[in-house]
């Protein structure tokens, strides 16, 4: 099973190499944003967007509500696993 974790793009660090910093629950990671940009949606337009991150890549843009719900569910899973 593949699992994408929601994160918010907070900075474009290298537009030429399509790299950005994403905040994932307070942890900042560098990710590749190749999958979510194109000529109509350049890197500089990605700041503030929520994305699903998987193995170092922002795989898809999601809305803030969807990100919050996914983070809540992941937190619930973590709590159940820690008590089980």
N, C-alpha and C. Protein backbone atom coordinates (compact mmCIF):
# COMPACT_ATOMS: atom_id res chain seq x y z
N UNK A 1 0.84 -1.18 0.00
CA UNK A 1 0.00 0.00 0.00
C UNK A 1 0.89 1.24 0.00
N UNK A 2 0.56 2.17 -0.88
CA UNK A 2 1.28 3.44 -0.92
C UNK A 2 0.51 4.46 -0.10
N UNK A 3 1.22 5.28 0.60
CA UNK A 3 0.59 6.26 1.46
C UNK A 3 1.18 7.64 1.18
N UNK A 4 0.32 8.57 0.78
CA UNK A 4 0.74 9.95 0.60
C UNK A 4 0.39 10.72 1.86
N UNK A 5 1.30 11.55 2.30
CA UNK A 5 1.11 12.35 3.50
C UNK A 5 0.87 13.80 3.08
N UNK A 6 -0.19 14.44 3.60
CA UNK A 6 -0.43 15.84 3.24
C UNK A 6 0.63 16.77 3.81
N UNK A 7 1.00 17.73 3.02
CA UNK A 7 1.94 18.75 3.45
C UNK A 7 1.64 20.04 2.69
N UNK A 8 2.12 21.15 3.25
CA UNK A 8 1.89 22.46 2.61
C UNK A 8 3.21 23.02 2.11
N UNK A 9 3.23 23.41 0.85
CA UNK A 9 4.44 24.00 0.26
C UNK A 9 4.65 25.38 0.86
N UNK A 10 5.82 25.58 1.45
CA UNK A 10 6.09 26.86 2.10
C UNK A 10 7.20 27.66 1.41
N UNK A 11 7.96 26.99 0.53
CA UNK A 11 9.06 27.70 -0.12
C UNK A 11 9.50 26.94 -1.36
N UNK A 12 9.81 27.67 -2.41
CA UNK A 12 10.44 27.08 -3.60
C UNK A 12 11.93 27.32 -3.43
N UNK A 13 12.70 26.24 -3.33
CA UNK A 13 14.13 26.38 -3.08
C UNK A 13 14.97 26.36 -4.35
N UNK A 14 14.47 25.71 -5.39
CA UNK A 14 15.21 25.62 -6.65
C UNK A 14 14.21 25.39 -7.78
N UNK A 15 13.75 26.47 -8.38
CA UNK A 15 12.72 26.37 -9.43
C UNK A 15 13.23 25.60 -10.64
N UNK A 16 14.50 25.75 -10.98
CA UNK A 16 15.05 25.05 -12.14
C UNK A 16 15.02 23.53 -11.97
N UNK A 17 15.30 23.07 -10.76
CA UNK A 17 15.28 21.63 -10.48
C UNK A 17 13.98 21.18 -9.83
N UNK A 18 13.01 22.12 -9.76
CA UNK A 18 11.66 21.82 -9.27
C UNK A 18 11.66 21.28 -7.84
N UNK A 19 12.37 21.99 -6.95
CA UNK A 19 12.45 21.59 -5.55
C UNK A 19 11.77 22.61 -4.68
N UNK A 20 11.08 22.11 -3.66
CA UNK A 20 10.36 22.98 -2.73
C UNK A 20 10.47 22.42 -1.32
N UNK A 21 10.21 23.27 -0.35
CA UNK A 21 10.13 22.84 1.05
C UNK A 21 8.65 22.70 1.39
N UNK A 22 8.32 21.54 1.97
CA UNK A 22 6.95 21.25 2.38
C UNK A 22 6.93 21.05 3.89
N UNK A 23 5.94 21.65 4.53
CA UNK A 23 5.73 21.48 5.97
C UNK A 23 4.74 20.34 6.15
N UNK A 24 5.23 19.27 6.78
CA UNK A 24 4.40 18.09 7.04
C UNK A 24 4.26 17.95 8.54
N UNK A 25 3.18 18.47 9.07
CA UNK A 25 2.94 18.37 10.52
C UNK A 25 4.05 19.01 11.34
N UNK A 26 4.61 20.10 10.86
CA UNK A 26 5.67 20.80 11.58
C UNK A 26 7.07 20.37 11.19
N UNK A 27 7.20 19.31 10.42
CA UNK A 27 8.50 18.84 9.93
C UNK A 27 8.67 19.35 8.51
N UNK A 28 9.78 20.04 8.25
CA UNK A 28 10.03 20.60 6.93
C UNK A 28 10.93 19.67 6.13
N UNK A 29 10.46 19.34 4.91
CA UNK A 29 11.21 18.44 4.04
C UNK A 29 11.30 19.02 2.63
N UNK A 30 12.41 18.73 1.99
CA UNK A 30 12.55 19.13 0.59
C UNK A 30 11.89 18.06 -0.27
N UNK A 31 11.06 18.48 -1.22
CA UNK A 31 10.40 17.54 -2.12
C UNK A 31 10.53 18.04 -3.55
N UNK A 32 10.37 17.12 -4.47
CA UNK A 32 10.36 17.43 -5.89
C UNK A 32 8.91 17.72 -6.29
N UNK A 33 8.67 18.81 -7.01
CA UNK A 33 7.31 19.21 -7.38
C UNK A 33 7.03 19.02 -8.87
N UNK A 34 7.84 18.22 -9.54
CA UNK A 34 7.68 17.99 -10.98
C UNK A 34 6.26 17.55 -11.35
N UNK A 35 5.65 16.70 -10.53
CA UNK A 35 4.34 16.12 -10.87
C UNK A 35 3.19 17.11 -10.77
N UNK A 36 3.40 18.27 -10.12
CA UNK A 36 2.27 19.18 -9.91
C UNK A 36 2.41 20.50 -10.63
N UNK A 37 3.45 20.65 -11.45
CA UNK A 37 3.62 21.92 -12.16
C UNK A 37 3.54 21.70 -13.67
N UNK A 38 3.20 22.77 -14.35
CA UNK A 38 3.24 22.80 -15.81
C UNK A 38 3.28 24.27 -16.22
N UNK A 39 3.12 24.54 -17.51
CA UNK A 39 3.23 25.92 -17.99
C UNK A 39 2.14 26.81 -17.41
N UNK A 40 0.96 26.27 -17.17
CA UNK A 40 -0.14 27.06 -16.61
C UNK A 40 -0.04 27.18 -15.09
N UNK A 41 0.76 26.33 -14.47
CA UNK A 41 0.90 26.34 -13.01
C UNK A 41 2.38 26.21 -12.65
N UNK A 42 3.15 27.32 -12.77
CA UNK A 42 4.59 27.29 -12.52
C UNK A 42 4.90 27.15 -11.02
N UNK A 43 6.16 26.82 -10.69
CA UNK A 43 6.54 26.60 -9.30
C UNK A 43 6.15 27.75 -8.36
N UNK A 44 6.33 28.99 -8.80
CA UNK A 44 6.05 30.12 -7.90
C UNK A 44 4.58 30.20 -7.49
N UNK A 45 3.69 29.58 -8.24
CA UNK A 45 2.27 29.57 -7.89
C UNK A 45 1.92 28.49 -6.88
N UNK A 46 2.88 27.64 -6.51
CA UNK A 46 2.62 26.51 -5.62
C UNK A 46 2.72 26.86 -4.13
N UNK A 47 3.32 27.99 -3.81
CA UNK A 47 3.51 28.33 -2.39
C UNK A 47 2.14 28.47 -1.72
N UNK A 48 2.00 27.77 -0.60
CA UNK A 48 0.75 27.78 0.16
C UNK A 48 -0.18 26.65 -0.19
N UNK A 49 0.10 25.94 -1.28
CA UNK A 49 -0.77 24.83 -1.69
C UNK A 49 -0.52 23.60 -0.84
N UNK A 50 -1.57 22.80 -0.69
CA UNK A 50 -1.48 21.51 0.00
C UNK A 50 -1.27 20.43 -1.06
N UNK A 51 -0.38 19.50 -0.74
CA UNK A 51 -0.06 18.42 -1.67
C UNK A 51 0.04 17.10 -0.92
N UNK A 52 -0.08 16.00 -1.66
CA UNK A 52 0.20 14.68 -1.10
C UNK A 52 1.65 14.35 -1.44
N UNK A 53 2.43 14.02 -0.42
CA UNK A 53 3.85 13.73 -0.58
C UNK A 53 4.08 12.24 -0.42
N UNK A 54 4.81 11.67 -1.38
CA UNK A 54 5.16 10.25 -1.33
C UNK A 54 6.58 10.09 -1.85
N UNK A 55 7.42 9.45 -1.09
CA UNK A 55 8.84 9.19 -1.40
C UNK A 55 9.55 10.40 -2.01
N UNK A 56 9.35 11.55 -1.39
CA UNK A 56 10.08 12.74 -1.81
C UNK A 56 9.49 13.52 -2.97
N UNK A 57 8.32 13.11 -3.41
CA UNK A 57 7.66 13.81 -4.51
C UNK A 57 6.29 14.32 -4.07
N UNK A 58 5.94 15.53 -4.47
CA UNK A 58 4.58 16.02 -4.33
C UNK A 58 3.80 15.41 -5.48
N UNK A 59 2.91 14.48 -5.16
CA UNK A 59 2.24 13.69 -6.20
C UNK A 59 0.99 14.34 -6.76
N UNK A 60 0.30 15.15 -5.92
CA UNK A 60 -0.97 15.71 -6.33
C UNK A 60 -1.32 16.89 -5.44
N UNK A 61 -2.00 17.88 -5.99
CA UNK A 61 -2.51 18.98 -5.17
C UNK A 61 -3.83 18.53 -4.54
N UNK A 62 -4.06 18.94 -3.29
CA UNK A 62 -5.32 18.67 -2.60
C UNK A 62 -5.78 19.95 -1.94
N UNK A 63 -7.07 19.99 -1.57
CA UNK A 63 -7.52 21.22 -0.90
C UNK A 63 -7.25 21.11 0.61
N UNK A 64 -7.33 22.24 1.28
CA UNK A 64 -6.98 22.31 2.70
C UNK A 64 -7.88 21.42 3.55
N UNK A 65 -9.17 21.34 3.21
CA UNK A 65 -10.11 20.51 3.97
C UNK A 65 -9.73 19.04 3.86
N UNK A 66 -9.40 18.61 2.65
CA UNK A 66 -8.99 17.22 2.44
C UNK A 66 -7.69 16.92 3.20
N UNK A 67 -6.77 17.86 3.20
CA UNK A 67 -5.51 17.67 3.93
C UNK A 67 -5.77 17.53 5.42
N UNK A 68 -6.61 18.41 5.97
CA UNK A 68 -6.91 18.36 7.41
C UNK A 68 -7.57 17.03 7.78
N UNK A 69 -8.50 16.56 6.96
CA UNK A 69 -9.18 15.31 7.25
C UNK A 69 -8.21 14.13 7.19
N UNK A 70 -7.33 14.12 6.20
CA UNK A 70 -6.35 13.03 6.08
C UNK A 70 -5.39 13.04 7.27
N UNK A 71 -4.93 14.23 7.68
CA UNK A 71 -4.03 14.31 8.83
C UNK A 71 -4.72 13.83 10.10
N UNK A 72 -6.02 14.17 10.24
CA UNK A 72 -6.78 13.72 11.41
C UNK A 72 -6.88 12.19 11.43
N UNK A 73 -7.18 11.60 10.29
CA UNK A 73 -7.28 10.14 10.21
C UNK A 73 -5.93 9.47 10.49
N UNK A 74 -4.86 10.02 9.99
CA UNK A 74 -3.54 9.45 10.25
C UNK A 74 -3.20 9.52 11.74
N UNK A 75 -3.61 10.62 12.38
CA UNK A 75 -3.37 10.75 13.82
C UNK A 75 -4.16 9.70 14.59
N UNK A 76 -5.41 9.46 14.19
CA UNK A 76 -6.23 8.43 14.84
C UNK A 76 -5.61 7.05 14.66
N UNK A 77 -5.12 6.74 13.49
CA UNK A 77 -4.46 5.45 13.25
C UNK A 77 -3.24 5.31 14.15
N UNK A 78 -2.46 6.36 14.25
CA UNK A 78 -1.25 6.32 15.09
C UNK A 78 -1.62 6.09 16.55
N UNK A 79 -2.71 6.72 17.02
CA UNK A 79 -3.14 6.54 18.41
C UNK A 79 -3.60 5.12 18.66
N UNK A 80 -4.37 4.55 17.72
CA UNK A 80 -4.85 3.16 17.87
C UNK A 80 -3.67 2.19 17.88
N UNK A 81 -2.72 2.41 16.99
CA UNK A 81 -1.56 1.51 16.92
C UNK A 81 -0.69 1.61 18.16
N UNK A 82 -0.63 2.77 18.78
CA UNK A 82 0.22 2.92 19.96
C UNK A 82 -0.41 2.28 21.20
N UNK A 83 -1.73 2.09 21.19
CA UNK A 83 -2.39 1.48 22.34
C UNK A 83 -2.65 -0.01 22.14
N UNK A 84 -2.57 -0.47 20.87
CA UNK A 84 -2.94 -1.83 20.56
C UNK A 84 -1.89 -2.82 20.77
